[in-house]
C-alpha atoms as a PDB file:
ATOM      1  CA  MET A   1      81.841  58.151  42.802  1.00  0.00           C
ATOM      2  CA  ILE A   2      78.491  57.004  41.686  1.00  0.00           C
ATOM      3  CA  ARG A   3      78.121  53.011  41.380  1.00  0.00           C
ATOM      4  CA  ILE A   4      76.575  51.859  37.716  1.00  0.00           C
ATOM      5  CA  SER A   5      75.597  48.706  39.205  1.00  0.00           C
ATOM      6  CA  ALA A   6      73.121  50.619  41.976  1.00  0.00           C
ATOM      7  CA  PHE A   7      71.166  51.591  38.721  1.00  0.00           C
ATOM      8  CA  LYS A   8      70.979  48.041  36.962  1.00  0.00           C
ATOM      9  CA  PRO A   9      67.770  46.207  37.789  1.00  0.00           C
ATOM     10  CA  THR A  10      69.636  42.901  39.227  1.00  0.00           C
ATOM     11  CA  ARG A  11      66.316  41.136  40.063  1.00  0.00           C
ATOM     12  CA  LEU A  12      64.457  39.073  37.445  1.00  0.00           C
ATOM     13  CA  ARG A  13      61.384  41.124  38.454  1.00  0.00           C
ATOM     14  CA  GLY A  14      63.052  44.488  37.779  1.00  0.00           C
ATOM     15  CA  LYS A  15      64.604  42.945  34.414  1.00  0.00           C
ATOM     16  CA  PHE A  16      61.046  41.964  33.302  1.00  0.00           C
ATOM     17  CA  LEU A  17      59.515  44.959  34.262  1.00  0.00           C
ATOM     18  CA  LEU A  18      62.229  46.942  32.145  1.00  0.00           C
ATOM     19  CA  LEU A  19      61.386  44.677  29.196  1.00  0.00           C
ATOM     20  CA  PHE A  20      57.617  44.717  29.355  1.00  0.00           C
ATOM     21  CA  TRP A  21      57.439  48.706  29.949  1.00  0.00           C
ATOM     22  CA  SER A  22      60.173  49.199  27.006  1.00  0.00           C
ATOM     23  CA  GLN A  23      58.095  47.029  24.725  1.00  0.00           C
ATOM     24  CA  MET A  24      54.811  48.965  25.668  1.00  0.00           C
ATOM     25  CA  ILE A  25      56.128  52.237  24.870  1.00  0.00           C
ATOM     26  CA  LEU A  26      57.700  50.996  21.456  1.00  0.00           C
ATOM     27  CA  LEU A  27      54.338  49.152  20.692  1.00  0.00           C
ATOM     28  CA  GLY A  28      52.531  52.474  21.620  1.00  0.00           C
ATOM     29  CA  LEU A  29      54.779  54.391  19.124  1.00  0.00           C
ATOM     30  CA  VAL A  30      54.166  52.078  15.881  1.00  0.00           C
ATOM     31  CA  PHE A  31      50.410  52.380  16.970  1.00  0.00           C
ATOM     32  CA  VAL A  32      50.417  55.956  16.840  1.00  0.00           C
ATOM     33  CA  LEU A  33      52.678  56.087  13.554  1.00  0.00           C
ATOM     34  CA  GLY A  34      50.427  53.857  12.095  1.00  0.00           C
ATOM     35  CA  TYR A  35      47.381  55.607  12.924  1.00  0.00           C
ATOM     36  CA  ALA A  36      49.150  58.645  11.349  1.00  0.00           C
ATOM     37  CA  ALA A  37      49.839  57.108   8.484  1.00  0.00           C
ATOM     38  CA  LEU A  38      46.507  55.876   7.938  1.00  0.00           C
ATOM     39  CA  ASN A  39      44.800  59.234   8.331  1.00  0.00           C
ATOM     40  CA  ARG A  40      47.347  60.595   5.820  1.00  0.00           C
ATOM     41  CA  LEU A  41      46.366  57.859   3.213  1.00  0.00           C
ATOM     42  CA  ARG A  42      42.797  58.280   3.952  1.00  0.00           C
ATOM     43  CA  SER A  43      42.976  62.055   3.115  1.00  0.00           C
ATOM     44  CA  GLY A  44      45.108  61.604  -0.214  1.00  0.00           C
ATOM     45  CA  GLN A  45      43.090  59.110  -1.417  1.00  0.00           C
ATOM     46  CA  ILE A  46      40.101  61.778  -0.955  1.00  0.00           C
ATOM     47  CA  GLU A  47      42.458  64.303  -2.771  1.00  0.00           C
ATOM     48  CA  LEU A  48      42.892  61.796  -5.459  1.00  0.00           C
ATOM     49  CA  GLY A  49      39.069  60.623  -5.807  1.00  0.00           C
ATOM     50  CA  GLY A  50      38.359  64.482  -6.498  1.00  0.00           C
ATOM     51  CA  ASN A  51      40.814  64.693  -9.207  1.00  0.00           C
ATOM     52  CA  LEU A  52      39.748  61.470 -10.562  1.00  0.00           C
ATOM     53  CA  PRO A  53      36.721  62.564 -12.715  1.00  0.00           C
ATOM     54  CA  LYS A  54      38.836  65.769 -14.132  1.00  0.00           C
ATOM     55  CA  ALA A  55      41.575  63.078 -15.499  1.00  0.00           C
ATOM     56  CA  ALA A  56      39.138  60.877 -16.850  1.00  0.00           C
ATOM     57  CA  VAL A  57      37.313  63.770 -18.770  1.00  0.00           C
ATOM     58  CA  ALA A  58      40.951  65.300 -19.669  1.00  0.00           C
ATOM     59  CA  ALA A  59      41.852  61.413 -20.979  1.00  0.00           C
ATOM     60  CA  GLN A  60      38.385  61.280 -23.202  1.00  0.00           C
ATOM     61  CA  VAL A  61      39.483  64.832 -24.848  1.00  0.00           C
ATOM     62  CA  LEU A  62      42.862  63.694 -25.322  1.00  0.00           C
ATOM     63  CA  HIS A  63      41.501  60.497 -26.971  1.00  0.00           C
ATOM     64  CA  ASP A  64      39.011  62.230 -29.395  1.00  0.00           C
ATOM     65  CA  SER A  65      41.329  65.072 -30.406  1.00  0.00           C
ATOM     66  CA  ASP A  66      43.976  62.584 -31.499  1.00  0.00           C
ATOM     67  CA  ALA A  67      41.785  60.674 -33.171  1.00  0.00           C
ATOM     68  CA  LEU A  68      40.784  64.017 -35.146  1.00  0.00           C
ATOM     69  CA  ARG A  69      44.453  64.526 -35.333  1.00  0.00           C
ATOM     70  CA  VAL A  70      44.964  61.033 -37.285  1.00  0.00           C
ATOM     71  CA  ILE A  71      41.905  61.610 -39.504  1.00  0.00           C
ATOM     72  CA  HIS A  72      43.387  64.811 -40.404  1.00  0.00           C
ATOM     73  CA  VAL A  73      46.790  63.094 -41.383  1.00  0.00           C
ATOM     74  CA  SER A  74      45.245  60.432 -43.373  1.00  0.00           C
ATOM     75  CA  LEU A  75      43.239  62.701 -45.339  1.00  0.00           C
ATOM     76  CA  ILE A  76      46.049  64.335 -46.378  1.00  0.00           C
ATOM     77  CA  GLY A  77      47.951  61.376 -47.359  1.00  0.00           C
ATOM     78  CA  GLY A  78      45.060  59.748 -48.953  1.00  0.00           C
ATOM     79  CA  GLY A  79      44.050  63.221 -50.667  1.00  0.00           C
ATOM     80  CA  ARG A  80      44.056  62.002 -54.272  1.00  0.00           C
ATOM     81  CA  ASN A  81      41.520  59.353 -53.914  1.00  0.00           C
ATOM     82  CA  VAL A  82      37.998  60.396 -53.521  1.00  0.00           C
ATOM     83  CA  GLU A  83      36.256  57.553 -52.340  1.00  0.00           C
ATOM     84  CA  TYR A  84      38.892  57.360 -49.418  1.00  0.00           C
ATOM     85  CA  VAL A  85      38.305  61.003 -48.752  1.00  0.00           C
ATOM     86  CA  ASP A  86      34.612  60.792 -48.504  1.00  0.00           C
ATOM     87  CA  LYS A  87      34.573  57.837 -45.749  1.00  0.00           C
ATOM     88  CA  ARG A  88      37.182  59.711 -43.762  1.00  0.00           C
ATOM     89  CA  LEU A  89      35.244  62.800 -44.092  1.00  0.00           C
ATOM     90  CA  LYS A  90      32.204  61.110 -42.168  1.00  0.00           C
ATOM     91  CA  ARG A  91      34.400  59.765 -39.606  1.00  0.00           C
ATOM     92  CA  LEU A  92      35.652  63.230 -39.248  1.00  0.00           C
ATOM     93  CA  LYS A  93      32.252  64.478 -38.384  1.00  0.00           C
ATOM     94  CA  GLU A  94      31.468  61.342 -36.105  1.00  0.00           C
ATOM     95  CA  VAL A  95      35.210  62.002 -33.984  1.00  0.00           C
ATOM     96  CA  GLU A  96      34.034  66.017 -34.132  1.00  0.00           C
ATOM     97  CA  GLY A  97      31.005  65.305 -32.500  1.00  0.00           C
ATOM     98  CA  MET A  98      32.530  62.838 -29.856  1.00  0.00           C
ATOM     99  CA  LEU A  99      35.203  65.537 -29.457  1.00  0.00           C
ATOM    100  CA  THR A 100      32.297  68.445 -28.787  1.00  0.00           C
ATOM    101  CA  ALA A 101      30.319  66.083 -26.968  1.00  0.00           C
ATOM    102  CA  SER A 102      33.568  65.403 -24.586  1.00  0.00           C
ATOM    103  CA  LEU A 103      34.136  68.881 -24.098  1.00  0.00           C
ATOM    104  CA  VAL A 104      30.810  69.834 -23.382  1.00  0.00           C
ATOM    105  CA  ASP A 105      30.640  66.913 -20.848  1.00  0.00           C
ATOM    106  CA  GLY A 106      33.689  67.906 -19.195  1.00  0.00           C
ATOM    107  CA  ARG A 107      32.126  71.486 -18.516  1.00  0.00           C
ATOM    108  CA  THR A 108      29.044  70.316 -17.441  1.00  0.00           C
ATOM    109  CA  ARG A 109      30.483  67.604 -15.350  1.00  0.00           C
ATOM    110  CA  LYS A 110      33.008  70.460 -13.600  1.00  0.00           C
ATOM    111  CA  ASP A 111      30.062  72.829 -12.959  1.00  0.00           C
ATOM    112  CA  ARG A 112      28.061  70.092 -11.427  1.00  0.00           C
ATOM    113  CA  GLN A 113      30.836  68.923  -9.104  1.00  0.00           C
ATOM    114  CA  HIS A 114      31.148  72.466  -8.372  1.00  0.00           C
ATOM    115  CA  ARG A 115      27.861  73.061  -7.089  1.00  0.00           C
ATOM    116  CA  LEU A 116      28.284  69.375  -5.419  1.00  0.00           C
ATOM    117  CA  GLY A 117      31.262  70.596  -3.678  1.00  0.00           C
ATOM    118  CA  ASN A 118      29.655  74.000  -2.423  1.00  0.00           C
ATOM    119  CA  ALA A 119      26.328  72.069  -1.338  1.00  0.00           C
ATOM    120  CA  ALA A 120      28.685  69.759   0.517  1.00  0.00           C
ATOM    121  CA  LEU A 121      30.473  72.435   2.510  1.00  0.00           C
ATOM    122  CA  HIS A 122      27.310  73.990   3.279  1.00  0.00           C
ATOM    123  CA  GLY A 123      24.755  71.297   3.796  1.00  0.00           C
ATOM    124  CA  GLY A 124      26.431  67.917   3.657  1.00  0.00           C
ATOM    125  CA  LEU A 125      24.918  66.597   0.177  1.00  0.00           C
ATOM    126  CA  SER A 126      26.538  63.377  -1.241  1.00  0.00           C
ATOM    127  CA  THR A 127      27.173  62.578  -4.915  1.00  0.00           C
ATOM    128  CA  PRO A 128      24.559  60.721  -6.414  1.00  0.00           C
ATOM    129  CA  ALA A 129      25.247  57.151  -7.753  1.00  0.00           C
ATOM    130  CA  GLY A 130      26.879  56.999 -11.362  1.00  0.00           C
ATOM    131  CA  GLU A 131      28.376  60.735 -11.191  1.00  0.00           C
ATOM    132  CA  GLY A 132      31.549  61.314 -11.438  1.00  0.00           C
ATOM    133  CA  GLN A 133      32.587  58.159 -13.240  1.00  0.00           C
ATOM    134  CA  GLY A 134      34.767  58.010 -16.600  1.00  0.00           C
ATOM    135  CA  GLY A 135      33.720  59.596 -19.749  1.00  0.00           C
ATOM    136  CA  HIS A 136      31.954  57.581 -22.514  1.00  0.00           C
ATOM    137  CA  CYS A 137      34.049  54.984 -24.995  1.00  0.00           C
ATOM    138  CA  GLY A 138      33.579  55.596 -28.198  1.00  0.00           C
END
């Protein structure tokens, strides 16, 4: 039979070294897990950053199309009042222009990002200041 007490550190120095090395291993494990988590977070932020301009354009198009829907509904409701219809038709033309501009801006932004993405893969170009930010407010 093996004596268990033979494997236990009985000296103070042995206990200290056992605690020291176990804490060093745990600290190293925490460091490695933290480093891996930061790398994962960084890659997630890069992915989200790439999708943000697309989301901004989509939000602007949705906003403009919603405003267009509201104008159409108000035209149906106020169809008997000629002055009101004239004012709403002017606003309808403005919003249609904004929606068209949003759609065109989304297409040109998508093409520009596609070209910059390809250039970044092949030549390392960066995005100029101001590009890729949200759409216009209006």
